[in-house]
PDB file of N, CA and C in Angstrom:
ATOM      1  N   UNK A   1      -4.086 -24.943 -68.289  1.00  0.00           N
ATOM      2  CA  UNK A   1      -3.240 -25.869 -67.571  1.00  0.00           C
ATOM      3  C   UNK A   1      -4.054 -27.098 -67.154  1.00  0.00           C
ATOM      4  N   UNK A   2      -3.427 -28.260 -67.160  1.00  0.00           N
ATOM      5  CA  UNK A   2      -4.141 -29.451 -66.719  1.00  0.00           C
ATOM      6  C   UNK A   2      -4.380 -29.414 -65.213  1.00  0.00           C
ATOM      7  N   UNK A   3      -5.413 -30.129 -64.810  1.00  0.00           N
ATOM      8  CA  UNK A   3      -5.744 -30.180 -63.395  1.00  0.00           C
ATOM      9  C   UNK A   3      -6.195 -31.580 -63.010  1.00  0.00           C
ATOM     10  N   UNK A   4      -6.222 -31.823 -61.715  1.00  0.00           N
ATOM     11  CA  UNK A   4      -6.633 -33.109 -61.178  1.00  0.00           C
ATOM     12  C   UNK A   4      -7.515 -32.867 -59.964  1.00  0.00           C
ATOM     13  N   UNK A   5      -8.503 -33.733 -59.807  1.00  0.00           N
ATOM     14  CA  UNK A   5      -9.400 -33.709 -58.652  1.00  0.00           C
ATOM     15  C   UNK A   5      -9.328 -35.079 -58.004  1.00  0.00           C
ATOM     16  N   UNK A   6      -9.355 -35.091 -56.684  1.00  0.00           N
ATOM     17  CA  UNK A   6      -9.343 -36.362 -55.966  1.00  0.00           C
ATOM     18  C   UNK A   6      -9.997 -36.218 -54.612  1.00  0.00           C
ATOM     19  N   UNK A   7     -10.027 -37.330 -53.887  1.00  0.00           N
ATOM     20  CA  UNK A   7     -10.604 -37.320 -52.554  1.00  0.00           C
ATOM     21  C   UNK A   7      -9.749 -38.162 -51.630  1.00  0.00           C
ATOM     22  N   UNK A   8      -9.753 -37.789 -50.353  1.00  0.00           N
ATOM     23  CA  UNK A   8      -8.896 -38.461 -49.384  1.00  0.00           C
ATOM     24  C   UNK A   8      -9.372 -38.174 -47.972  1.00  0.00           C
ATOM     25  N   UNK A   9      -8.882 -38.961 -47.039  1.00  0.00           N
ATOM     26  CA  UNK A   9      -9.070 -38.670 -45.618  1.00  0.00           C
ATOM     27  C   UNK A   9      -7.787 -38.115 -45.013  1.00  0.00           C
ATOM     28  N   UNK A  10      -6.707 -38.057 -45.792  1.00  0.00           N
ATOM     29  CA  UNK A  10      -5.414 -37.571 -45.314  1.00  0.00           C
ATOM     30  C   UNK A  10      -4.829 -36.599 -46.343  1.00  0.00           C
ATOM     31  N   UNK A  11      -5.194 -35.328 -46.213  1.00  0.00           N
ATOM     32  CA  UNK A  11      -4.790 -34.318 -47.187  1.00  0.00           C
ATOM     33  C   UNK A  11      -3.272 -34.165 -47.283  1.00  0.00           C
ATOM     34  N   UNK A  12      -2.588 -34.160 -46.160  1.00  0.00           N
ATOM     35  CA  UNK A  12      -1.137 -33.967 -46.186  1.00  0.00           C
ATOM     36  C   UNK A  12      -0.441 -35.087 -46.952  1.00  0.00           C
ATOM     37  N   UNK A  13      -0.810 -36.308 -46.667  1.00  0.00           N
ATOM     38  CA  UNK A  13      -0.186 -37.449 -47.349  1.00  0.00           C
ATOM     39  C   UNK A  13      -0.498 -37.430 -48.838  1.00  0.00           C
ATOM     40  N   UNK A  14      -1.719 -37.073 -49.179  1.00  0.00           N
ATOM     41  CA  UNK A  14      -2.109 -37.075 -50.590  1.00  0.00           C
ATOM     42  C   UNK A  14      -1.352 -36.006 -51.368  1.00  0.00           C
ATOM     43  N   UNK A  15      -1.224 -34.816 -50.770  1.00  0.00           N
ATOM     44  CA  UNK A  15      -0.498 -33.745 -51.446  1.00  0.00           C
ATOM     45  C   UNK A  15       0.965 -34.141 -51.634  1.00  0.00           C
ATOM     46  N   UNK A  16       1.568 -34.733 -50.612  1.00  0.00           N
ATOM     47  CA  UNK A  16       2.956 -35.173 -50.731  1.00  0.00           C
ATOM     48  C   UNK A  16       3.096 -36.207 -51.841  1.00  0.00           C
ATOM     49  N   UNK A  17       2.123 -37.104 -51.956  1.00  0.00           N
ATOM     50  CA  UNK A  17       2.163 -38.096 -53.029  1.00  0.00           C
ATOM     51  C   UNK A  17       2.168 -37.420 -54.396  1.00  0.00           C
ATOM     52  N   UNK A  18       1.231 -36.495 -54.628  1.00  0.00           N
ATOM     53  CA  UNK A  18       1.143 -35.843 -55.933  1.00  0.00           C
ATOM     54  C   UNK A  18       2.392 -35.027 -56.233  1.00  0.00           C
ATOM     55  N   UNK A  19       3.041 -34.501 -55.214  1.00  0.00           N
ATOM     56  CA  UNK A  19       4.283 -33.768 -55.432  1.00  0.00           C
ATOM     57  C   UNK A  19       5.407 -34.692 -55.920  1.00  0.00           C
ATOM     58  N   UNK A  20       5.278 -35.988 -55.689  1.00  0.00           N
ATOM     59  CA  UNK A  20       6.273 -36.932 -56.216  1.00  0.00           C
ATOM     60  C   UNK A  20       5.951 -37.340 -57.650  1.00  0.00           C
ATOM     61  N   UNK A  21       4.731 -37.093 -58.090  1.00  0.00           N
ATOM     62  CA  UNK A  21       4.299 -37.484 -59.435  1.00  0.00           C
ATOM     63  C   UNK A  21       4.534 -36.364 -60.443  1.00  0.00           C
ATOM     64  N   UNK A  22       4.264 -35.125 -60.033  1.00  0.00           N
ATOM     65  CA  UNK A  22       4.354 -33.978 -60.933  1.00  0.00           C
ATOM     66  C   UNK A  22       5.512 -33.074 -60.545  1.00  0.00           C
ATOM     67  N   UNK A  23       6.109 -32.402 -61.548  1.00  0.00           N
ATOM     68  CA  UNK A  23       7.208 -31.477 -61.285  1.00  0.00           C
ATOM     69  C   UNK A  23       6.770 -30.297 -60.435  1.00  0.00           C
ATOM     70  N   UNK A  24       5.572 -29.805 -60.705  1.00  0.00           N
ATOM     71  CA  UNK A  24       5.079 -28.638 -59.974  1.00  0.00           C
ATOM     72  C   UNK A  24       3.573 -28.743 -59.873  1.00  0.00           C
ATOM     73  N   UNK A  25       3.040 -28.494 -58.676  1.00  0.00           N
ATOM     74  CA  UNK A  25       1.592 -28.380 -58.513  1.00  0.00           C
ATOM     75  C   UNK A  25       1.304 -27.031 -57.854  1.00  0.00           C
ATOM     76  N   UNK A  26       0.150 -26.461 -58.175  1.00  0.00           N
ATOM     77  CA  UNK A  26      -0.259 -25.196 -57.577  1.00  0.00           C
ATOM     78  C   UNK A  26      -1.782 -25.109 -57.572  1.00  0.00           C
ATOM     79  N   UNK A  27      -2.275 -24.047 -56.948  1.00  0.00           N
ATOM     80  CA  UNK A  27      -3.721 -23.840 -56.769  1.00  0.00           C
ATOM     81  C   UNK A  27      -4.382 -25.035 -56.087  1.00  0.00           C
ATOM     82  N   UNK A  28      -3.733 -25.558 -55.069  1.00  0.00           N
ATOM     83  CA  UNK A  28      -4.281 -26.669 -54.278  1.00  0.00           C
ATOM     84  C   UNK A  28      -5.469 -26.123 -53.492  1.00  0.00           C
ATOM     85  N   UNK A  29      -6.659 -26.611 -53.791  1.00  0.00           N
ATOM     86  CA  UNK A  29      -7.857 -26.178 -53.084  1.00  0.00           C
ATOM     87  C   UNK A  29      -8.555 -27.394 -52.508  1.00  0.00           C
ATOM     88  N   UNK A  30      -9.251 -27.172 -51.402  1.00  0.00           N
ATOM     89  CA  UNK A  30      -9.889 -28.267 -50.669  1.00  0.00           C
ATOM     90  C   UNK A  30     -11.328 -27.899 -50.361  1.00  0.00           C
ATOM     91  N   UNK A  31     -12.227 -28.884 -50.498  1.00  0.00           N
ATOM     92  CA  UNK A  31     -13.592 -28.716 -50.019  1.00  0.00           C
ATOM     93  C   UNK A  31     -13.892 -29.861 -49.069  1.00  0.00           C
ATOM     94  N   UNK A  32     -14.797 -29.601 -48.164  1.00  0.00           N
ATOM     95  CA  UNK A  32     -15.157 -30.604 -47.169  1.00  0.00           C
ATOM     96  C   UNK A  32     -15.028 -30.002 -45.790  1.00  0.00           C
ATOM     97  N   UNK A  33     -15.181 -30.813 -44.784  1.00  0.00           N
ATOM     98  CA  UNK A  33     -15.203 -32.272 -44.808  1.00  0.00           C
ATOM     99  C   UNK A  33     -16.562 -32.832 -45.212  1.00  0.00           C
ATOM    100  N   UNK A  34     -16.507 -34.048 -45.710  1.00  0.00           N
ATOM    101  CA  UNK A  34     -17.702 -34.816 -46.052  1.00  0.00           C
ATOM    102  C   UNK A  34     -17.748 -36.023 -45.118  1.00  0.00           C
ATOM    103  N   UNK A  35     -18.911 -36.309 -44.599  1.00  0.00           N
ATOM    104  CA  UNK A  35     -19.053 -37.380 -43.615  1.00  0.00           C
ATOM    105  C   UNK A  35     -18.931 -38.766 -44.239  1.00  0.00           C
ATOM    106  N   UNK A  36     -19.259 -38.872 -45.530  1.00  0.00           N
ATOM    107  CA  UNK A  36     -19.211 -40.190 -46.161  1.00  0.00           C
ATOM    108  C   UNK A  36     -18.407 -40.144 -47.451  1.00  0.00           C
ATOM    109  N   UNK A  37     -17.914 -41.302 -47.825  1.00  0.00           N
ATOM    110  CA  UNK A  37     -17.193 -41.427 -49.083  1.00  0.00           C
ATOM    111  C   UNK A  37     -18.103 -41.093 -50.259  1.00  0.00           C
ATOM    112  N   UNK A  38     -19.368 -41.477 -50.163  1.00  0.00           N
ATOM    113  CA  UNK A  38     -20.322 -41.228 -51.241  1.00  0.00           C
ATOM    114  C   UNK A  38     -20.515 -39.731 -51.481  1.00  0.00           C
ATOM    115  N   UNK A  39     -20.622 -38.952 -50.392  1.00  0.00           N
ATOM    116  CA  UNK A  39     -20.756 -37.493 -50.538  1.00  0.00           C
ATOM    117  C   UNK A  39     -19.524 -36.902 -51.212  1.00  0.00           C
ATOM    118  N   UNK A  40     -18.355 -37.344 -50.789  1.00  0.00           N
ATOM    119  CA  UNK A  40     -17.120 -36.843 -51.373  1.00  0.00           C
ATOM    120  C   UNK A  40     -17.014 -37.239 -52.848  1.00  0.00           C
ATOM    121  N   UNK A  41     -17.450 -38.446 -53.178  1.00  0.00           N
ATOM    122  CA  UNK A  41     -17.381 -38.895 -54.566  1.00  0.00           C
ATOM    123  C   UNK A  41     -18.268 -38.043 -55.464  1.00  0.00           C
ATOM    124  N   UNK A  42     -19.435 -37.662 -54.977  1.00  0.00           N
ATOM    125  CA  UNK A  42     -20.317 -36.783 -55.759  1.00  0.00           C
ATOM    126  C   UNK A  42     -19.640 -35.447 -56.043  1.00  0.00           C
ATOM    127  N   UNK A  43     -18.994 -34.887 -55.023  1.00  0.00           N
ATOM    128  CA  UNK A  43     -18.320 -33.600 -55.192  1.00  0.00           C
ATOM    129  C   UNK A  43     -17.119 -33.743 -56.123  1.00  0.00           C
ATOM    130  N   UNK A  44     -16.364 -34.832 -55.994  1.00  0.00           N
ATOM    131  CA  UNK A  44     -15.225 -35.050 -56.880  1.00  0.00           C
ATOM    132  C   UNK A  44     -15.684 -35.125 -58.332  1.00  0.00           C
ATOM    133  N   UNK A  45     -16.716 -35.886 -58.585  1.00  0.00           N
ATOM    134  CA  UNK A  45     -17.244 -36.030 -59.943  1.00  0.00           C
ATOM    135  C   UNK A  45     -17.712 -34.688 -60.494  1.00  0.00           C
ATOM    136  N   UNK A  46     -18.429 -33.929 -59.668  1.00  0.00           N
ATOM    137  CA  UNK A  46     -18.917 -32.612 -60.071  1.00  0.00           C
ATOM    138  C   UNK A  46     -17.767 -31.679 -60.442  1.00  0.00           C
ATOM    139  N   UNK A  47     -16.753 -31.589 -59.570  1.00  0.00           N
ATOM    140  CA  UNK A  47     -15.633 -30.679 -59.827  1.00  0.00           C
ATOM    141  C   UNK A  47     -14.819 -31.113 -61.044  1.00  0.00           C
ATOM    142  N   UNK A  48     -14.650 -32.402 -61.218  1.00  0.00           N
ATOM    143  CA  UNK A  48     -13.896 -32.890 -62.382  1.00  0.00           C
ATOM    144  C   UNK A  48     -14.595 -32.491 -63.676  1.00  0.00           C
ATOM    145  N   UNK A  49     -15.894 -32.623 -63.718  1.00  0.00           N
ATOM    146  CA  UNK A  49     -16.651 -32.226 -64.909  1.00  0.00           C
ATOM    147  C   UNK A  49     -16.649 -30.712 -65.093  1.00  0.00           C
ATOM    148  N   UNK A  50     -16.861 -29.986 -64.014  1.00  0.00           N
ATOM    149  CA  UNK A  50     -16.926 -28.529 -64.073  1.00  0.00           C
ATOM    150  C   UNK A  50     -15.616 -27.920 -64.572  1.00  0.00           C
ATOM    151  N   UNK A  51     -14.490 -28.403 -64.050  1.00  0.00           N
ATOM    152  CA  UNK A  51     -13.191 -27.822 -64.376  1.00  0.00           C
ATOM    153  C   UNK A  51     -12.430 -28.604 -65.444  1.00  0.00           C
ATOM    154  N   UNK A  52     -13.056 -29.675 -65.947  1.00  0.00           N
ATOM    155  CA  UNK A  52     -12.438 -30.532 -66.970  1.00  0.00           C
ATOM    156  C   UNK A  52     -11.087 -31.064 -66.490  1.00  0.00           C
ATOM    157  N   UNK A  53     -11.110 -31.630 -65.280  1.00  0.00           N
ATOM    158  CA  UNK A  53      -9.903 -32.162 -64.654  1.00  0.00           C
ATOM    159  C   UNK A  53      -9.884 -33.683 -64.730  1.00  0.00           C
ATOM    160  N   UNK A  54      -8.678 -34.229 -64.653  1.00  0.00           N
ATOM    161  CA  UNK A  54      -8.524 -35.664 -64.492  1.00  0.00           C
ATOM    162  C   UNK A  54      -9.011 -36.052 -63.098  1.00  0.00           C
ATOM    163  N   UNK A  55      -9.554 -37.242 -62.990  1.00  0.00           N
ATOM    164  CA  UNK A  55      -9.916 -37.759 -61.670  1.00  0.00           C
ATOM    165  C   UNK A  55      -9.900 -39.274 -61.741  1.00  0.00           C
ATOM    166  N   UNK A  56      -9.820 -39.889 -60.576  1.00  0.00           N
ATOM    167  CA  UNK A  56      -9.831 -41.340 -60.499  1.00  0.00           C
ATOM    168  C   UNK A  56     -11.189 -41.833 -60.044  1.00  0.00           C
ATOM    169  N   UNK A  57     -11.307 -43.126 -59.813  1.00  0.00           N
ATOM    170  CA  UNK A  57     -12.585 -43.692 -59.413  1.00  0.00           C
ATOM    171  C   UNK A  57     -12.943 -43.435 -57.964  1.00  0.00           C
ATOM    172  N   UNK A  58     -12.126 -42.707 -57.218  1.00  0.00           N
ATOM    173  CA  UNK A  58     -12.408 -42.428 -55.817  1.00  0.00           C
ATOM    174  C   UNK A  58     -11.169 -42.669 -54.994  1.00  0.00           C
ATOM    175  N   UNK A  59     -11.162 -42.109 -53.792  1.00  0.00           N
ATOM    176  CA  UNK A  59      -9.983 -42.212 -52.941  1.00  0.00           C
ATOM    177  C   UNK A  59      -9.760 -43.602 -52.396  1.00  0.00           C
ATOM    178  N   UNK A  60      -8.546 -43.806 -51.912  1.00  0.00           N
ATOM    179  CA  UNK A  60      -8.231 -45.069 -51.248  1.00  0.00           C
ATOM    180  C   UNK A  60      -9.066 -45.188 -49.984  1.00  0.00           C
ATOM    181  N   UNK A  61      -9.264 -46.414 -49.558  1.00  0.00           N
ATOM    182  CA  UNK A  61      -9.975 -46.624 -48.300  1.00  0.00           C
ATOM    183  C   UNK A  61      -9.153 -46.041 -47.165  1.00  0.00           C
ATOM    184  N   UNK A  62      -9.798 -45.364 -46.228  1.00  0.00           N
ATOM    185  CA  UNK A  62      -9.056 -44.737 -45.134  1.00  0.00           C
ATOM    186  C   UNK A  62      -8.601 -45.767 -44.111  1.00  0.00           C
ATOM    187  N   UNK A  63      -7.551 -45.413 -43.376  1.00  0.00           N
ATOM    188  CA  UNK A  63      -7.131 -46.263 -42.265  1.00  0.00           C
ATOM    189  C   UNK A  63      -8.238 -46.353 -41.222  1.00  0.00           C
ATOM    190  N   UNK A  64      -8.915 -45.243 -41.003  1.00  0.00           N
ATOM    191  CA  UNK A  64     -10.010 -45.193 -40.040  1.00  0.00           C
ATOM    192  C   UNK A  64     -11.285 -44.863 -40.801  1.00  0.00           C
ATOM    193  N   UNK A  65     -12.227 -45.796 -40.907  1.00  0.00           N
ATOM    194  CA  UNK A  65     -13.445 -45.536 -41.678  1.00  0.00           C
ATOM    195  C   UNK A  65     -14.321 -44.425 -41.097  1.00  0.00           C
ATOM    196  N   UNK A  66     -14.008 -43.971 -39.896  1.00  0.00           N
ATOM    197  CA  UNK A  66     -14.781 -42.884 -39.293  1.00  0.00           C
ATOM    198  C   UNK A  66     -14.211 -41.510 -39.636  1.00  0.00           C
ATOM    199  N   UNK A  67     -13.065 -41.468 -40.312  1.00  0.00           N
ATOM    200  CA  UNK A  67     -12.464 -40.189 -40.707  1.00  0.00           C
ATOM    201  C   UNK A  67     -13.358 -39.466 -41.710  1.00  0.00           C
ATOM    202  N   UNK A  68     -13.284 -38.143 -41.690  1.00  0.00           N
ATOM    203  CA  UNK A  68     -13.980 -37.336 -42.685  1.00  0.00           C
ATOM    204  C   UNK A  68     -13.226 -37.407 -44.007  1.00  0.00           C
ATOM    205  N   UNK A  69     -13.956 -37.196 -45.081  1.00  0.00           N
ATOM    206  CA  UNK A  69     -13.392 -37.166 -46.425  1.00  0.00           C
ATOM    207  C   UNK A  69     -13.260 -35.728 -46.895  1.00  0.00           C
ATOM    208  N   UNK A  70     -12.251 -35.475 -47.711  1.00  0.00           N
ATOM    209  CA  UNK A  70     -12.025 -34.160 -48.319  1.00  0.00           C
ATOM    210  C   UNK A  70     -11.831 -34.348 -49.819  1.00  0.00           C
ATOM    211  N   UNK A  71     -12.219 -33.343 -50.567  1.00  0.00           N
ATOM    212  CA  UNK A  71     -12.012 -33.337 -52.011  1.00  0.00           C
ATOM    213  C   UNK A  71     -11.014 -32.228 -52.301  1.00  0.00           C
ATOM    214  N   UNK A  72     -10.019 -32.550 -53.113  1.00  0.00           N
ATOM    215  CA  UNK A  72      -8.986 -31.579 -53.449  1.00  0.00           C
ATOM    216  C   UNK A  72      -8.915 -31.409 -54.964  1.00  0.00           C
ATOM    217  N   UNK A  73      -8.372 -30.274 -55.350  1.00  0.00           N
ATOM    218  CA  UNK A  73      -8.155 -29.989 -56.776  1.00  0.00           C
ATOM    219  C   UNK A  73      -6.863 -29.214 -56.894  1.00  0.00           C
ATOM    220  N   UNK A  74      -6.102 -29.466 -57.937  1.00  0.00           N
ATOM    221  CA  UNK A  74      -4.881 -28.716 -58.171  1.00  0.00           C
ATOM    222  C   UNK A  74      -4.543 -28.705 -59.653  1.00  0.00           C
ATOM    223  N   UNK A  75      -3.683 -27.779 -60.014  1.00  0.00           N
ATOM    224  CA  UNK A  75      -3.148 -27.703 -61.366  1.00  0.00           C
ATOM    225  C   UNK A  75      -1.718 -28.212 -61.340  1.00  0.00           C
ATOM    226  N   UNK A  76      -1.249 -28.680 -62.477  1.00  0.00           N
ATOM    227  CA  UNK A  76       0.112 -29.188 -62.556  1.00  0.00           C
ATOM    228  C   UNK A  76       0.679 -28.924 -63.949  1.00  0.00           C
ATOM    229  N   UNK A  77       2.030 -29.046 -64.051  1.00  0.00           N
ATOM    230  CA  UNK A  77       2.650 -28.817 -65.354  1.00  0.00           C
ATOM    231  C   UNK A  77       2.900 -30.131 -66.102  1.00  0.00           C
ATOM    232  N   UNK A  78       3.645 -31.064 -65.534  1.00  0.00           N
ATOM    233  CA  UNK A  78       3.909 -32.342 -66.205  1.00  0.00           C
ATOM    234  C   UNK A  78       4.400 -33.366 -65.200  1.00  0.00           C
ATOM    235  N   UNK A  79       4.344 -34.613 -65.603  1.00  0.00           N
ATOM    236  CA  UNK A  79       4.833 -35.678 -64.743  1.00  0.00           C
ATOM    237  C   UNK A  79       6.345 -35.658 -64.685  1.00  0.00           C
ATOM    238  N   UNK A  80       6.871 -36.144 -63.598  1.00  0.00           N
ATOM    239  CA  UNK A  80       8.329 -36.233 -63.432  1.00  0.00           C
ATOM    240  C   UNK A  80       8.885 -37.341 -64.306  1.00  0.00           C
TER     241      UNK A  80
END
């Protein structure tokens, strides 16, 4: 099954977003928190390579730059 890895400071909002893109997502897993965007980006890159998942160039900038970062991974079936 295809999978995606990403990073965010707002896990709930990010999951809701992906649920609007794909018909079904499952195996939502989270690692973190990471204190910096750079730390989270390293983990995102590692997991994407390890699990052969799609990933983007990094998460959106947070509303609050002091927020912790999280890396998430999930499987999906197809786009809506």
